[in-house]
Protein backbone atom coordinates (compact mmCIF):
# COMPACT_ATOMS: atom_id res chain seq x y z
CA UNK A 1 155.08 322.02 2.23
CA UNK A 2 156.45 318.79 3.71
CA UNK A 3 153.01 318.01 5.11
CA UNK A 4 151.36 318.50 1.70
CA UNK A 5 154.00 316.31 0.05
CA UNK A 6 153.41 313.50 2.53
CA UNK A 7 149.63 313.74 2.11
CA UNK A 8 150.08 313.59 -1.65
CA UNK A 9 152.32 310.51 -1.37
CA UNK A 10 149.85 308.79 0.96
CA UNK A 11 147.01 309.48 -1.48
CA UNK A 12 148.95 308.14 -4.47
CA UNK A 13 150.04 305.02 -2.58
CA UNK A 14 146.46 304.34 -1.48
CA UNK A 15 145.15 304.25 -5.05
CA UNK A 16 148.02 302.18 -6.41
CA UNK A 17 147.82 298.38 -6.54
CA UNK A 18 151.41 297.20 -6.54
CA UNK A 19 150.71 293.50 -7.08
CA UNK A 20 148.84 294.16 -10.30
CA UNK A 21 151.00 297.03 -11.49
CA UNK A 22 148.04 299.39 -12.00
CA UNK A 23 146.44 302.27 -10.15
CA UNK A 24 142.93 302.34 -8.75
CA UNK A 25 141.91 304.77 -11.49
CA UNK A 26 143.15 302.36 -14.16
CA UNK A 27 141.28 299.51 -12.50
CA UNK A 28 138.07 301.56 -12.48
CA UNK A 29 138.69 302.36 -16.15
CA UNK A 30 139.12 298.67 -16.95
CA UNK A 31 135.87 297.78 -15.15
CA UNK A 32 134.09 300.58 -17.00
CA UNK A 33 135.39 299.26 -20.33
CA UNK A 34 134.20 295.78 -19.37
CA UNK A 35 130.68 297.09 -18.66
CA UNK A 36 130.75 299.05 -21.92
CA UNK A 37 131.79 295.90 -23.81
CA UNK A 38 128.79 294.00 -22.42
CA UNK A 39 126.49 296.83 -23.49
CA UNK A 40 128.16 297.02 -26.91
CA UNK A 41 127.73 293.26 -27.34
CA UNK A 42 123.98 293.60 -26.85
CA UNK A 43 123.77 296.58 -29.21
CA UNK A 44 125.99 294.83 -31.77
CA UNK A 45 123.81 291.73 -31.66
CA UNK A 46 120.57 293.71 -31.84
CA UNK A 47 121.39 296.26 -34.51
CA UNK A 48 124.54 295.41 -36.50
CA UNK A 49 124.01 291.63 -36.74
CA UNK A 50 120.29 292.08 -37.40
CA UNK A 51 120.98 294.67 -40.12
CA UNK A 52 123.52 292.41 -41.84
CA UNK A 53 121.05 289.53 -41.67
CA UNK A 54 118.34 291.65 -43.30
CA UNK A 55 120.68 292.60 -46.15
CA UNK A 56 121.78 288.99 -46.72
CA UNK A 57 118.18 287.72 -46.83
CA UNK A 58 117.50 290.06 -49.76
CA UNK A 59 120.00 288.17 -51.93
CA UNK A 60 117.59 285.25 -52.33
CA UNK A 61 120.41 282.74 -51.80
CA UNK A 62 119.79 280.29 -49.00
CA UNK A 63 123.45 279.27 -48.68
CA UNK A 64 124.63 282.66 -47.39
CA UNK A 65 121.57 282.83 -45.09
CA UNK A 66 122.51 279.53 -43.45
CA UNK A 67 126.17 280.57 -43.28
CA UNK A 68 125.33 283.85 -41.55
CA UNK A 69 122.92 282.18 -39.10
CA UNK A 70 125.71 279.78 -38.13
CA UNK A 71 128.36 282.51 -37.80
CA UNK A 72 126.13 284.95 -35.88
CA UNK A 73 126.80 283.45 -32.36
CA UNK A 74 130.62 283.76 -32.55
CA UNK A 75 130.32 287.21 -34.17
CA UNK A 76 128.40 288.45 -31.14
CA UNK A 77 131.46 288.01 -28.88
CA UNK A 78 133.58 290.17 -31.22
CA UNK A 79 132.95 293.43 -29.22
CA UNK A 80 133.99 291.69 -26.00
CA UNK A 81 137.19 290.47 -27.65
CA UNK A 82 138.02 293.95 -28.98
CA UNK A 83 137.48 295.55 -25.55
CA UNK A 84 139.75 293.04 -23.80
CA UNK A 85 142.45 293.68 -26.40
CA UNK A 86 142.01 297.41 -25.79
CA UNK A 87 142.50 296.85 -22.05
CA UNK A 88 145.96 295.54 -22.75
CA UNK A 89 147.04 299.00 -23.94
CA UNK A 90 146.27 300.50 -20.50
CA UNK A 91 148.08 297.86 -18.46
CA UNK A 92 151.78 297.29 -18.05
CA UNK A 93 152.53 294.15 -20.07
CA UNK A 94 155.21 293.09 -17.53
CA UNK A 95 152.81 293.22 -14.59
CA UNK A 96 150.87 290.25 -13.34
CA UNK A 97 147.60 291.69 -14.61
CA UNK A 98 149.21 292.44 -17.98
CA UNK A 99 150.33 288.81 -18.33
CA UNK A 100 146.87 287.53 -17.37
CA UNK A 101 145.16 289.94 -19.79
CA UNK A 102 147.49 288.81 -22.57
CA UNK A 103 146.53 285.19 -21.97
CA UNK A 104 142.84 286.11 -21.81
CA UNK A 105 143.15 287.96 -25.13
CA UNK A 106 144.85 284.97 -26.77
CA UNK A 107 142.17 282.68 -25.33
CA UNK A 108 139.33 284.85 -26.65
CA UNK A 109 140.90 285.07 -30.11
CA UNK A 110 141.47 281.29 -30.16
CA UNK A 111 137.88 280.59 -29.10
CA UNK A 112 136.60 283.07 -31.69
CA UNK A 113 138.59 281.48 -34.54
CA UNK A 114 137.77 277.85 -33.69
CA UNK A 115 134.13 278.73 -33.01
CA UNK A 116 133.91 280.27 -36.47
CA UNK A 117 135.41 277.11 -38.00
CA UNK A 118 133.03 274.89 -36.04
CA UNK A 119 129.95 276.91 -36.99
CA UNK A 120 130.93 277.17 -40.66
CA UNK A 121 130.82 273.39 -41.03
CA UNK A 122 127.01 273.25 -40.73
CA UNK A 123 126.14 275.35 -43.83
CA UNK A 124 129.15 274.05 -45.75
CA UNK A 125 127.86 270.51 -45.24
CA UNK A 126 125.62 271.13 -48.27
CA UNK A 127 128.78 271.00 -50.37
CA UNK A 128 129.31 267.42 -49.20
CA UNK A 129 125.93 266.25 -50.52
CA UNK A 130 127.61 265.10 -53.72
CA UNK A 131 129.57 262.65 -51.59
CA UNK A 132 126.29 260.98 -50.60
CA UNK A 133 126.15 259.47 -54.08
CA UNK A 134 129.55 257.82 -53.58
CA UNK A 135 129.29 257.08 -49.87
CA UNK A 136 126.02 257.38 -47.94
CA UNK A 137 124.09 260.05 -46.08
CA UNK A 138 124.87 258.50 -42.70
CA UNK A 139 128.62 258.33 -43.46
CA UNK A 140 128.66 262.00 -44.52
CA UNK A 141 126.92 262.88 -41.24
CA UNK A 142 129.56 260.89 -39.35
CA UNK A 143 132.37 262.69 -41.20
CA UNK A 144 130.87 266.11 -40.45
CA UNK A 145 130.38 265.19 -36.81
CA UNK A 146 133.97 263.91 -36.55
CA UNK A 147 135.29 267.16 -38.06
CA UNK A 148 133.35 269.16 -35.48
CA UNK A 149 134.76 267.05 -32.65
CA UNK A 150 138.26 267.47 -34.11
CA UNK A 151 137.89 271.27 -34.23
CA UNK A 152 136.64 271.32 -30.63
CA UNK A 153 139.58 269.15 -29.54
CA UNK A 154 142.14 271.32 -31.36
CA UNK A 155 140.55 274.45 -29.87
CA UNK A 156 140.82 273.03 -26.35
CA UNK A 157 144.45 272.07 -26.99
CA UNK A 158 145.24 275.60 -28.23
CA UNK A 159 143.61 277.19 -25.16
CA UNK A 160 145.46 274.87 -22.78
CA UNK A 161 148.78 275.65 -24.51
CA UNK A 162 148.03 279.36 -24.06
CA UNK A 163 147.82 278.91 -20.31
CA UNK A 164 150.98 276.82 -20.24
CA UNK A 165 149.33 273.43 -19.83
CA UNK A 166 151.14 270.83 -21.94
CA UNK A 167 148.74 268.52 -23.67
CA UNK A 168 151.27 265.71 -24.18
CA UNK A 169 151.35 264.46 -20.57
CA UNK A 170 147.58 264.84 -20.36
CA UNK A 171 147.10 262.64 -23.44
CA UNK A 172 149.55 260.10 -22.04
CA UNK A 173 147.60 259.97 -18.80
CA UNK A 174 144.34 259.65 -20.70
CA UNK A 175 145.90 256.81 -22.70
CA UNK A 176 146.54 254.81 -19.55
CA UNK A 177 143.06 255.65 -18.33
CA UNK A 178 141.65 254.67 -21.74
CA UNK A 179 143.22 251.22 -21.52
CA UNK A 180 141.48 250.63 -18.21
CA UNK A 181 138.18 251.95 -19.57
CA UNK A 182 138.48 249.87 -22.76
CA UNK A 183 138.60 246.69 -20.73
CA UNK A 184 135.21 247.53 -19.26
CA UNK A 185 133.73 249.08 -22.42
CA UNK A 186 134.12 246.29 -24.94
CA UNK A 187 130.46 246.53 -25.93
CA UNK A 188 130.90 250.24 -26.71
CA UNK A 189 133.74 249.57 -29.15
CA UNK A 190 131.90 246.58 -30.60
CA UNK A 191 128.92 248.83 -31.32
CA UNK A 192 131.17 251.52 -32.80
CA UNK A 193 132.89 249.08 -35.17
CA UNK A 194 129.53 247.55 -36.12
CA UNK A 195 128.17 251.02 -36.88
CA UNK A 196 131.11 251.76 -39.18
CA UNK A 197 130.60 248.44 -40.99
CA UNK A 198 126.87 249.17 -41.41
CA UNK A 199 127.64 252.46 -43.13
CA UNK A 200 130.54 251.20 -45.23
CA UNK A 201 128.65 248.11 -46.42
CA UNK A 202 125.47 250.16 -47.05
CA UNK A 203 123.28 247.42 -45.61
CA UNK A 204 120.70 250.13 -44.95
CA UNK A 205 120.59 253.91 -44.92
CA UNK A 206 118.58 256.67 -43.29
CA UNK A 207 114.95 256.46 -44.34
CA UNK A 208 115.07 252.77 -45.28
CA UNK A 209 112.34 250.42 -44.05
CA UNK A 210 114.00 247.42 -42.45
CA UNK A 211 113.08 244.43 -40.33
CA UNK A 212 115.33 242.94 -37.69
CA UNK A 213 113.85 239.47 -37.02
CA UNK A 214 112.70 239.20 -33.44
CA UNK A 215 113.64 242.82 -32.69
CA UNK A 216 111.88 245.54 -34.66
CA UNK A 217 110.46 246.64 -37.99
CA UNK A 218 110.24 250.25 -39.15
CA UNK A 219 112.02 253.24 -40.68
CA UNK A 220 115.68 254.00 -39.89
CA UNK A 221 115.83 257.51 -38.42
CA UNK A 222 119.35 257.72 -37.01
CA UNK A 223 122.58 255.70 -37.14
CA UNK A 224 124.71 256.68 -34.17
CA UNK A 225 128.11 255.68 -32.87
CA UNK A 226 126.57 253.23 -30.40
CA UNK A 227 123.00 252.51 -31.50
CA UNK A 228 120.53 252.87 -34.36
CA UNK A 229 117.10 254.45 -33.93
CA UNK A 230 114.16 252.80 -35.71
CA UNK A 231 110.73 254.39 -35.91
CA UNK A 232 108.20 251.56 -35.89
CA UNK A 233 104.91 251.69 -37.78
CA UNK A 234 102.94 252.41 -34.59
CA UNK A 235 105.09 255.63 -34.34
CA UNK A 236 107.00 254.31 -31.31
CA UNK A 237 110.80 254.40 -31.52
CA UNK A 238 113.30 251.74 -30.53
CA UNK A 239 117.08 252.00 -30.24
CA UNK A 240 119.02 248.85 -31.05
CA UNK A 241 122.75 248.36 -30.34
CA UNK A 242 124.73 248.35 -33.56
CA UNK A 243 126.19 244.90 -32.92
CA UNK A 244 122.67 243.45 -33.33
CA UNK A 245 122.76 244.31 -37.03
CA UNK A 246 126.08 242.57 -37.59
CA UNK A 247 124.83 239.38 -35.95
CA UNK A 248 121.39 239.28 -37.63
CA UNK A 249 119.97 238.89 -41.12
CA UNK A 250 118.42 242.27 -41.95
CA UNK A 251 115.46 242.54 -44.32
CA UNK A 252 115.66 245.85 -46.21
CA UNK A 253 112.28 246.44 -47.83
CA UNK A 254 113.39 249.75 -49.36
CA UNK A 255 115.90 247.95 -51.61
CA UNK A 256 113.25 245.92 -53.38
CA UNK A 257 112.13 247.21 -56.77
CA UNK A 258 108.56 245.93 -56.75
CA UNK A 259 106.05 244.53 -54.28
CA UNK A 260 104.83 240.97 -54.73
CA UNK A 261 101.21 239.87 -54.78
CA UNK A 262 100.60 236.21 -53.98
CA UNK A 263 96.99 235.20 -53.55
CA UNK A 264 95.10 231.93 -53.36
CA UNK A 265 91.45 232.25 -54.37
CA UNK A 266 89.08 229.36 -53.86
CA UNK A 267 86.20 228.59 -56.25
CA UNK A 268 83.32 226.21 -55.62
CA UNK A 269 83.49 222.64 -56.89
CA UNK A 270 80.57 223.18 -59.22
CA UNK A 271 82.82 225.39 -61.38
CA UNK A 272 83.34 223.66 -64.73
CA UNK A 273 86.67 223.18 -66.49
CA UNK A 274 85.74 225.76 -69.14
CA UNK A 275 84.87 228.26 -66.46
CA UNK A 276 88.21 227.68 -64.70
CA UNK A 277 90.11 228.20 -67.95
CA UNK A 278 88.16 231.36 -68.75
CA UNK A 279 88.65 232.84 -65.26
CA UNK A 280 92.42 232.19 -65.34
CA UNK A 281 92.71 233.59 -68.86
CA UNK A 282 90.79 236.80 -68.10
CA UNK A 283 92.70 237.48 -64.85
CA UNK A 284 95.99 236.95 -66.68
CA UNK A 285 94.91 239.21 -69.55
CA UNK A 286 93.88 241.97 -67.14
CA UNK A 287 97.23 241.91 -65.32
CA UNK A 288 99.25 241.90 -68.55
CA UNK A 289 97.32 244.84 -69.99
CA UNK A 290 97.57 246.96 -66.84
CA UNK A 291 100.65 249.15 -66.35
CA UNK A 292 100.25 248.89 -62.57
CA UNK A 293 101.86 245.45 -62.80
CA UNK A 294 105.31 244.41 -64.02
CA UNK A 295 105.53 241.27 -66.17
CA UNK A 296 108.77 240.12 -67.82
CA UNK A 297 111.23 237.23 -67.76
CA UNK A 298 112.57 238.28 -64.38
CA UNK A 299 109.23 239.08 -62.75
CA UNK A 300 106.89 236.45 -64.16
CA UNK A 301 103.13 236.18 -63.91
CA UNK A 302 101.34 233.00 -62.88
CA UNK A 303 97.59 232.44 -62.84
CA UNK A 304 97.16 228.69 -62.48
CA UNK A 305 94.87 226.14 -60.89
CA UNK A 306 96.90 225.21 -57.84
CA UNK A 307 95.15 222.34 -56.07
CA UNK A 308 91.90 220.74 -55.00
CA UNK A 309 91.34 221.84 -51.46
CA UNK A 310 88.87 220.46 -48.92
CA UNK A 311 86.16 222.93 -49.83
CA UNK A 312 87.42 224.67 -52.94
CA UNK A 313 89.34 224.57 -56.17
CA UNK A 314 92.30 226.86 -55.50
CA UNK A 315 93.76 229.23 -58.11
CA UNK A 316 97.21 230.71 -57.52
CA UNK A 317 97.73 234.37 -58.55
CA UNK A 318 101.38 235.34 -58.46
CA UNK A 319 102.51 238.73 -59.81
CA UNK A 320 104.36 241.96 -58.92
CA UNK A 321 102.93 245.46 -58.51
CA UNK A 322 104.89 248.06 -60.44
CA UNK A 323 105.67 250.11 -57.33
CA UNK A 324 107.50 250.04 -54.02
CA UNK A 325 105.22 252.61 -52.42
CA UNK A 326 103.00 251.10 -49.74
CA UNK A 327 99.99 253.34 -50.41
CA UNK A 328 100.03 252.75 -54.17
CA UNK A 329 100.58 249.03 -53.58
CA UNK A 330 97.38 248.85 -51.53
CA UNK A 331 95.53 250.66 -54.31
CA UNK A 332 96.82 248.24 -56.95
CA UNK A 333 95.76 245.23 -54.85
CA UNK A 334 92.33 246.74 -54.33
CA UNK A 335 91.78 247.27 -58.08
CA UNK A 336 92.93 243.70 -58.75
CA UNK A 337 90.48 242.38 -56.13
CA UNK A 338 87.59 244.28 -57.73
CA UNK A 339 88.39 242.88 -61.17
CA UNK A 340 88.80 239.30 -59.93
CA UNK A 341 85.40 239.57 -58.24
CA UNK A 342 83.83 240.83 -61.50
CA UNK A 343 85.53 238.16 -63.61
CA UNK A 344 84.35 235.36 -61.33
CA UNK A 345 80.80 236.72 -61.35
CA UNK A 346 80.76 237.19 -65.15
CA UNK A 347 81.92 233.60 -65.61
CA UNK A 348 78.91 232.39 -63.56
CA UNK A 349 81.06 230.99 -60.79
CA UNK A 350 81.38 231.83 -57.09
CA UNK A 351 83.92 231.84 -54.30
CA UNK A 352 84.06 228.89 -51.97
CA UNK A 353 83.98 228.99 -48.22
CA UNK A 354 84.76 226.26 -45.66
CA UNK A 355 81.90 223.79 -45.59
CA UNK A 356 81.11 220.15 -44.83
CA UNK A 357 78.71 217.77 -46.47
CA UNK A 358 76.96 215.09 -44.38
CA UNK A 359 75.64 211.95 -46.08
CA UNK A 360 73.07 209.78 -44.29
CA UNK A 361 72.72 206.19 -45.39
CA UNK A 362 69.28 204.63 -45.59
CA UNK A 363 68.82 201.29 -43.88
């Protein structure tokens, strides 16, 4: 009997892990639960999440679809979190493994909660669209991005606190490091401040067509913390540092109401005074009667004989097309050109071209 008792004690001691406070059987059970959790995560993502998504899509509301698509990634780690919490029931909470498992559980729950908050900001950003009327689209994007960074920072702080790492000394150390970095990153902060001023002053917004003299001309696609991306008309993109916009005069073509037409047409010198008057009158009448042009006290129309040029009598046509759209503007100019050509022909006159007359004296 003593021999059997000793063999039994040897067997029990061999399958017991004193440092972790668990037996080998419990360790095998924990590993099995971990494998099961990985399998359950895949099944949960494939069947449960997919089924919920199918049901939500039947509602016909796009808001809940976007919300679910954003929350699906953190929801997929829910089985893993539940299994780790379940492991804690099989382990002595006072053992080293029990303490580690408790911290892991708190970490997983913290990550799950902050991940849900971070992901929920994307679909909820639609609720901030009303702010675009008061602020601007770029500023709303900055606010949403700052909120996401804040949630990530708070999540990291919460995880570090769980593992006993005090964030205060870390921030103090980063502060000293930040002072050193700031001395060598003055351009970065200058660009950041310039970017904030651009958005607050609404000098231009996303989608505006702007021209930076000597730099670029095109459509604003992105206003970042450091630079602004402009898509030029040849489809190439260029990123300009934000401080460039604070030091330059920016032409914002999207802010204009109408597009100006300013032409000089030259008629031959054999055009009579009556013909000149008739041509000017008919061109002016056409523009005034056409809704494609805007004529009022603020946007005046001028069709006047401008000067006697070397080879022509020049007529100034100065008016505004009733559009800011480039394509429609080209169409309006084309129609005006056709009508001017017809008016000149009907008045028995012709367009001048550069020419020289040579006179030879007889001796």
